Amino acid sequence: MTLCDYFSAADDRAAVAVAGSPGGPDPAALDVVSLKGIDPVVAIARLEAIATDCGYEEAGQRPRSGLLLYGAGVDGPLLFSVSDTLVAALVTASRDDLRRFAQSWSVTAELRHDQVDAGTAAGALEALAGLARRAHPAGLRLYCRWSL
């Protein structure tokens, strides 16, 4: 299963520097949420579609949605951006909203494939929402470093 480290950074340049460093984002220096199997392209676009009440295609085409910013070859880490629209939705979501999103998200093919149930999805959403809420006031953006 892939390791997906979601973290906040000031801008794309700072995030790329983190992605290229050995071991990825350092939790001692950055706000990092590690989520196994929650890929930053398909699964996160599905979440955005649920959280913003739009279609998957629309969510996936939004600016910065799963945008590849860094790739170190076939086996190396990849860095993807998380859309500002999803960050805004997570910042404003209530605990009940997050539970509702988690229930719908957990039945998507991507999460079912990785045997992610509603409780696990809710935990992942709480962690991502917390990351978004800490980053947003400081003007930071969210990123995901994906590695095998």
C-alpha atoms as a PDB file:
ATOM      1  CA  MET A   1       0.000   0.000   0.000  1.00  0.00           C
ATOM      2  CA  THR A   2       1.227   3.495  -0.772  1.00  0.00           C
ATOM      3  CA  LEU A   3       2.193   6.020   1.869  1.00  0.00           C
ATOM      4  CA  CYS A   4       0.662   9.431   1.426  1.00  0.00           C
ATOM      5  CA  ASP A   5       2.070  12.208   3.598  1.00  0.00           C
ATOM      6  CA  TYR A   6      -0.213  15.233   3.516  1.00  0.00           C
ATOM      7  CA  PHE A   7       1.458  18.425   4.697  1.00  0.00           C
ATOM      8  CA  SER A   8       1.237  22.185   4.531  1.00  0.00           C
ATOM      9  CA  ALA A   9       3.768  24.508   2.959  1.00  0.00           C
ATOM     10  CA  ALA A  10       3.979  28.169   2.012  1.00  0.00           C
ATOM     11  CA  ASP A  11       4.085  27.525  -1.735  1.00  0.00           C
ATOM     12  CA  ASP A  12       4.879  25.006  -4.454  1.00  0.00           C
ATOM     13  CA  ARG A  13       8.616  25.706  -4.318  1.00  0.00           C
ATOM     14  CA  ALA A  14       8.793  24.963  -0.587  1.00  0.00           C
ATOM     15  CA  ALA A  15       6.708  21.822  -1.048  1.00  0.00           C
ATOM     16  CA  VAL A  16       8.935  20.550  -3.873  1.00  0.00           C
ATOM     17  CA  ALA A  17      12.000  21.030  -1.655  1.00  0.00           C
ATOM     18  CA  VAL A  18      10.325  18.861   0.997  1.00  0.00           C
ATOM     19  CA  ALA A  19       9.263  16.190  -1.494  1.00  0.00           C
ATOM     20  CA  GLY A  20      12.783  15.803  -2.808  1.00  0.00           C
ATOM     21  CA  SER A  21      14.380  15.448   0.602  1.00  0.00           C
ATOM     22  CA  PRO A  22      15.197  11.949   1.882  1.00  0.00           C
ATOM     23  CA  GLY A  23      12.344  10.643   3.997  1.00  0.00           C
ATOM     24  CA  GLY A  24       9.932  13.354   2.915  1.00  0.00           C
ATOM     25  CA  PRO A  25       8.256  15.843   5.230  1.00  0.00           C
ATOM     26  CA  ASP A  26       9.727  15.918   8.733  1.00  0.00           C
ATOM     27  CA  PRO A  27       6.957  16.021  11.365  1.00  0.00           C
ATOM     28  CA  ALA A  28       9.369  17.847  13.688  1.00  0.00           C
ATOM     29  CA  ALA A  29       9.553  20.752  11.209  1.00  0.00           C
ATOM     30  CA  LEU A  30       6.214  20.602   9.376  1.00  0.00           C
ATOM     31  CA  ASP A  31       2.570  19.837  10.043  1.00  0.00           C
ATOM     32  CA  VAL A  32       2.208  16.337   8.528  1.00  0.00           C
ATOM     33  CA  VAL A  33      -0.646  13.825   8.360  1.00  0.00           C
ATOM     34  CA  SER A  34       0.319  10.348   7.131  1.00  0.00           C
ATOM     35  CA  LEU A  35      -2.459   8.361   5.477  1.00  0.00           C
ATOM     36  CA  LYS A  36      -1.883   4.970   3.901  1.00  0.00           C
ATOM     37  CA  GLY A  37      -3.691   4.407   0.631  1.00  0.00           C
ATOM     38  CA  ILE A  38      -5.520   7.764   0.425  1.00  0.00           C
ATOM     39  CA  ASP A  39      -4.191   8.775  -2.948  1.00  0.00           C
ATOM     40  CA  PRO A  40      -4.042  12.480  -3.788  1.00  0.00           C
ATOM     41  CA  VAL A  41      -5.564  12.208  -7.240  1.00  0.00           C
ATOM     42  CA  VAL A  42      -8.564   9.878  -7.464  1.00  0.00           C
ATOM     43  CA  ALA A  43      -9.531   9.357  -3.801  1.00  0.00           C
ATOM     44  CA  ILE A  44      -9.088  13.033  -2.951  1.00  0.00           C
ATOM     45  CA  ALA A  45     -11.067  14.145  -6.029  1.00  0.00           C
ATOM     46  CA  ARG A  46     -13.851  11.765  -4.946  1.00  0.00           C
ATOM     47  CA  LEU A  47     -13.760  13.371  -1.499  1.00  0.00           C
ATOM     48  CA  GLU A  48     -13.862  16.845  -3.022  1.00  0.00           C
ATOM     49  CA  ALA A  49     -16.869  15.877  -5.147  1.00  0.00           C
ATOM     50  CA  ILE A  50     -18.689  14.699  -2.015  1.00  0.00           C
ATOM     51  CA  ALA A  51     -17.664  17.657   0.144  1.00  0.00           C
ATOM     52  CA  THR A  52     -18.524  20.293  -2.466  1.00  0.00           C
ATOM     53  CA  ASP A  53     -21.567  18.544  -3.949  1.00  0.00           C
ATOM     54  CA  CYS A  54     -20.262  18.366  -7.506  1.00  0.00           C
ATOM     55  CA  GLY A  55     -19.351  15.597  -9.924  1.00  0.00           C
ATOM     56  CA  TYR A  56     -16.080  13.709  -9.787  1.00  0.00           C
ATOM     57  CA  GLU A  57     -15.024  15.063 -13.188  1.00  0.00           C
ATOM     58  CA  GLU A  58     -15.613  18.656 -12.085  1.00  0.00           C
ATOM     59  CA  ALA A  59     -13.685  18.135  -8.840  1.00  0.00           C
ATOM     60  CA  GLY A  60     -10.784  16.528 -10.700  1.00  0.00           C
ATOM     61  CA  GLN A  61     -10.554  19.410 -13.160  1.00  0.00           C
ATOM     62  CA  ARG A  62     -10.399  22.158 -10.575  1.00  0.00           C
ATOM     63  CA  PRO A  63      -7.156  24.124 -10.302  1.00  0.00           C
ATOM     64  CA  ARG A  64      -4.521  22.330  -8.219  1.00  0.00           C
ATOM     65  CA  SER A  65      -6.617  19.154  -7.877  1.00  0.00           C
ATOM     66  CA  GLY A  66      -4.066  16.334  -7.941  1.00  0.00           C
ATOM     67  CA  LEU A  67      -1.597  18.460  -9.903  1.00  0.00           C
ATOM     68  CA  LEU A  68       1.762  16.682 -10.199  1.00  0.00           C
ATOM     69  CA  LEU A  69       4.467  19.078  -9.004  1.00  0.00           C
ATOM     70  CA  TYR A  70       7.416  16.734  -8.571  1.00  0.00           C
ATOM     71  CA  GLY A  71       8.333  13.265  -9.753  1.00  0.00           C
ATOM     72  CA  ALA A  72      11.592  11.481  -9.019  1.00  0.00           C
ATOM     73  CA  GLY A  73      11.154   8.662 -11.511  1.00  0.00           C
ATOM     74  CA  VAL A  74       9.203   5.435 -11.408  1.00  0.00           C
ATOM     75  CA  ASP A  75      10.232   4.405  -7.895  1.00  0.00           C
ATOM     76  CA  GLY A  76      10.803   7.820  -6.397  1.00  0.00           C
ATOM     77  CA  PRO A  77       8.373   9.991  -4.492  1.00  0.00           C
ATOM     78  CA  LEU A  78       5.781  12.116  -6.241  1.00  0.00           C
ATOM     79  CA  LEU A  79       4.336  15.397  -5.036  1.00  0.00           C
ATOM     80  CA  PHE A  80       0.767  16.474  -5.718  1.00  0.00           C
ATOM     81  CA  SER A  81      -1.131  19.611  -4.773  1.00  0.00           C
ATOM     82  CA  VAL A  82      -4.479  19.541  -2.993  1.00  0.00           C
ATOM     83  CA  SER A  83      -7.068  21.929  -4.395  1.00  0.00           C
ATOM     84  CA  ASP A  84      -7.874  25.125  -2.554  1.00  0.00           C
ATOM     85  CA  THR A  85     -11.560  24.278  -3.002  1.00  0.00           C
ATOM     86  CA  LEU A  86     -11.195  21.089  -0.965  1.00  0.00           C
ATOM     87  CA  VAL A  87      -9.147  22.898   1.673  1.00  0.00           C
ATOM     88  CA  ALA A  88     -11.912  25.506   2.020  1.00  0.00           C
ATOM     89  CA  ALA A  89     -14.562  22.783   2.302  1.00  0.00           C
ATOM     90  CA  LEU A  90     -12.584  20.998   5.022  1.00  0.00           C
ATOM     91  CA  VAL A  91     -11.968  24.222   6.936  1.00  0.00           C
ATOM     92  CA  THR A  92     -15.685  25.009   7.110  1.00  0.00           C
ATOM     93  CA  ALA A  93     -17.036  21.474   7.573  1.00  0.00           C
ATOM     94  CA  SER A  94     -18.651  20.639  10.886  1.00  0.00           C
ATOM     95  CA  ARG A  95     -18.006  17.362  12.680  1.00  0.00           C
ATOM     96  CA  ASP A  96     -21.394  16.120  11.399  1.00  0.00           C
ATOM     97  CA  ASP A  97     -20.441  17.151   7.854  1.00  0.00           C
ATOM     98  CA  LEU A  98     -17.200  15.192   8.141  1.00  0.00           C
ATOM     99  CA  ARG A  99     -19.055  12.085   9.331  1.00  0.00           C
ATOM    100  CA  ARG A 100     -21.507  12.397   6.443  1.00  0.00           C
ATOM    101  CA  PHE A 101     -18.669  12.895   3.942  1.00  0.00           C
ATOM    102  CA  ALA A 102     -16.859   9.878   5.410  1.00  0.00           C
ATOM    103  CA  GLN A 103     -19.895   7.646   5.020  1.00  0.00           C
ATOM    104  CA  SER A 104     -20.242   8.521   1.326  1.00  0.00           C
ATOM    105  CA  TRP A 105     -16.493   8.468   0.710  1.00  0.00           C
ATOM    106  CA  SER A 106     -16.060   5.031   2.288  1.00  0.00           C
ATOM    107  CA  VAL A 107     -18.325   3.402  -0.307  1.00  0.00           C
ATOM    108  CA  THR A 108     -16.316   4.673  -3.287  1.00  0.00           C
ATOM    109  CA  ALA A 109     -14.449   2.023  -5.258  1.00  0.00           C
ATOM    110  CA  GLU A 110     -11.050   3.414  -4.247  1.00  0.00           C
ATOM    111  CA  LEU A 111     -11.672   3.208  -0.514  1.00  0.00           C
ATOM    112  CA  ARG A 112     -13.535  -0.108  -0.712  1.00  0.00           C
ATOM    113  CA  HIS A 113     -10.552  -1.557  -2.622  1.00  0.00           C
ATOM    114  CA  ASP A 114      -8.304  -0.660   0.322  1.00  0.00           C
ATOM    115  CA  GLN A 115     -10.948  -1.879   2.813  1.00  0.00           C
ATOM    116  CA  VAL A 116     -11.423   1.565   4.321  1.00  0.00           C
ATOM    117  CA  ASP A 117     -14.658   1.613   6.313  1.00  0.00           C
ATOM    118  CA  ALA A 118     -16.667   4.667   7.377  1.00  0.00           C
ATOM    119  CA  GLY A 119     -14.902   4.882  10.758  1.00  0.00           C
ATOM    120  CA  THR A 120     -11.449   4.826   9.196  1.00  0.00           C
ATOM    121  CA  ALA A 121     -12.553   7.340   6.554  1.00  0.00           C
ATOM    122  CA  ALA A 122     -13.899   9.599   9.312  1.00  0.00           C
ATOM    123  CA  GLY A 123     -10.542   9.456  11.106  1.00  0.00           C
ATOM    124  CA  ALA A 124      -8.724  10.362   7.895  1.00  0.00           C
ATOM    125  CA  LEU A 125     -11.123  13.250   7.292  1.00  0.00           C
ATOM    126  CA  GLU A 126     -10.707  14.547  10.850  1.00  0.00           C
ATOM    127  CA  ALA A 127      -6.937  14.515  10.349  1.00  0.00           C
ATOM    128  CA  LEU A 128      -7.129  16.244   6.941  1.00  0.00           C
ATOM    129  CA  ALA A 129      -9.625  18.808   8.223  1.00  0.00           C
ATOM    130  CA  GLY A 130      -7.334  19.536  11.173  1.00  0.00           C
ATOM    131  CA  LEU A 131      -4.395  20.019   8.809  1.00  0.00           C
ATOM    132  CA  ALA A 132      -6.488  22.344   6.622  1.00  0.00           C
ATOM    133  CA  ARG A 133      -7.709  24.337   9.644  1.00  0.00           C
ATOM    134  CA  ARG A 134      -4.174  24.841  10.907  1.00  0.00           C
ATOM    135  CA  ALA A 135      -2.810  25.785   7.458  1.00  0.00           C
ATOM    136  CA  HIS A 136      -5.582  28.088   6.260  1.00  0.00           C
ATOM    137  CA  PRO A 137      -5.130  31.025   8.701  1.00  0.00           C
ATOM    138  CA  ALA A 138      -1.409  31.138   7.889  1.00  0.00           C
ATOM    139  CA  GLY A 139      -2.042  31.183   4.133  1.00  0.00           C
ATOM    140  CA  LEU A 140      -0.407  27.775   3.667  1.00  0.00           C
ATOM    141  CA  ARG A 141      -1.426  25.283   0.991  1.00  0.00           C
ATOM    142  CA  LEU A 142      -1.790  21.511   1.248  1.00  0.00           C
ATOM    143  CA  TYR A 143       0.290  18.926  -0.577  1.00  0.00           C
ATOM    144  CA  CYS A 144       0.723  15.179  -0.685  1.00  0.00           C
ATOM    145  CA  ARG A 145       4.028  13.330  -0.999  1.00  0.00           C
ATOM    146  CA  TRP A 146       3.191   9.898  -2.430  1.00  0.00           C
ATOM    147  CA  SER A 147       5.644   7.049  -2.123  1.00  0.00           C
ATOM    148  CA  LEU A 148       5.688   3.262  -2.316  1.00  0.00           C
END
